[in-house]
Amino acid sequence: MTETRVTTHVYRVYIKAAPQAIWDAITRPEWNERWNEMRTEFDLRSGGAMRTRPSPRMRAVGAERGIHVPEVAMDGEVIESDPPTRLVYTWRLLMGEGMAEEGFTRITWEIDEIEPGLSRITVVHDLEGAPKVAALVTGEMEDEGGGGGWPEVLSGLKTLLETGEPLRVYEGQEERT
């Protein structure tokens, strides 16, 4: 019997916000650290760098669990940037056992305005050759401290844009935002 795995994951969420507000929340570090416990910086030119830095709390929790959380937890390269509707980049997880060795995966964000003030976000994550990363981003590793994956990330984005408040407030986050 041969086991097959789906290597392309698609997530979709509807948010009461204009595409530009969503784009800014994804691409501006002062916004993305409010809905995610990490700060992501993009050089939005084709070939530009993407770097994600974990919060001090995240690094401390990792240290308590014996997990090395590097200063840059994720990196990649911008492939396509078409504000405010499409962002494509490579993405590699640099923390967690065996994650970096799986190499780069590809993430595509598509933002479509359905009607004024209502947008649909589609995230496509191509995880070919990255089964450990796939388990993490689906939320399968949540009980082991891996977080809720894309469902939690998108819920955080939606909550912040619709309520003005983050889904979760992490210790020390108040000083950063």
Foldseek 3Di string as FASTA:
>chain_A
DDDDDDQKDKDKDKAQADLQVLQCLVAPQLNVCQQPQWGWHWPQDAFTKIWIAGDPVVCVVCVVVVWHQDRTQKMWGWHHDDPRFKTKIWIFGPTDPPRNVQPTKMKMWGWAAPDVRMIMIMIMIRRVSGVVVVCLQCQVCVVVVSDRHPVSSVVQSRCCVHPVHGPDDDVPVVVVD
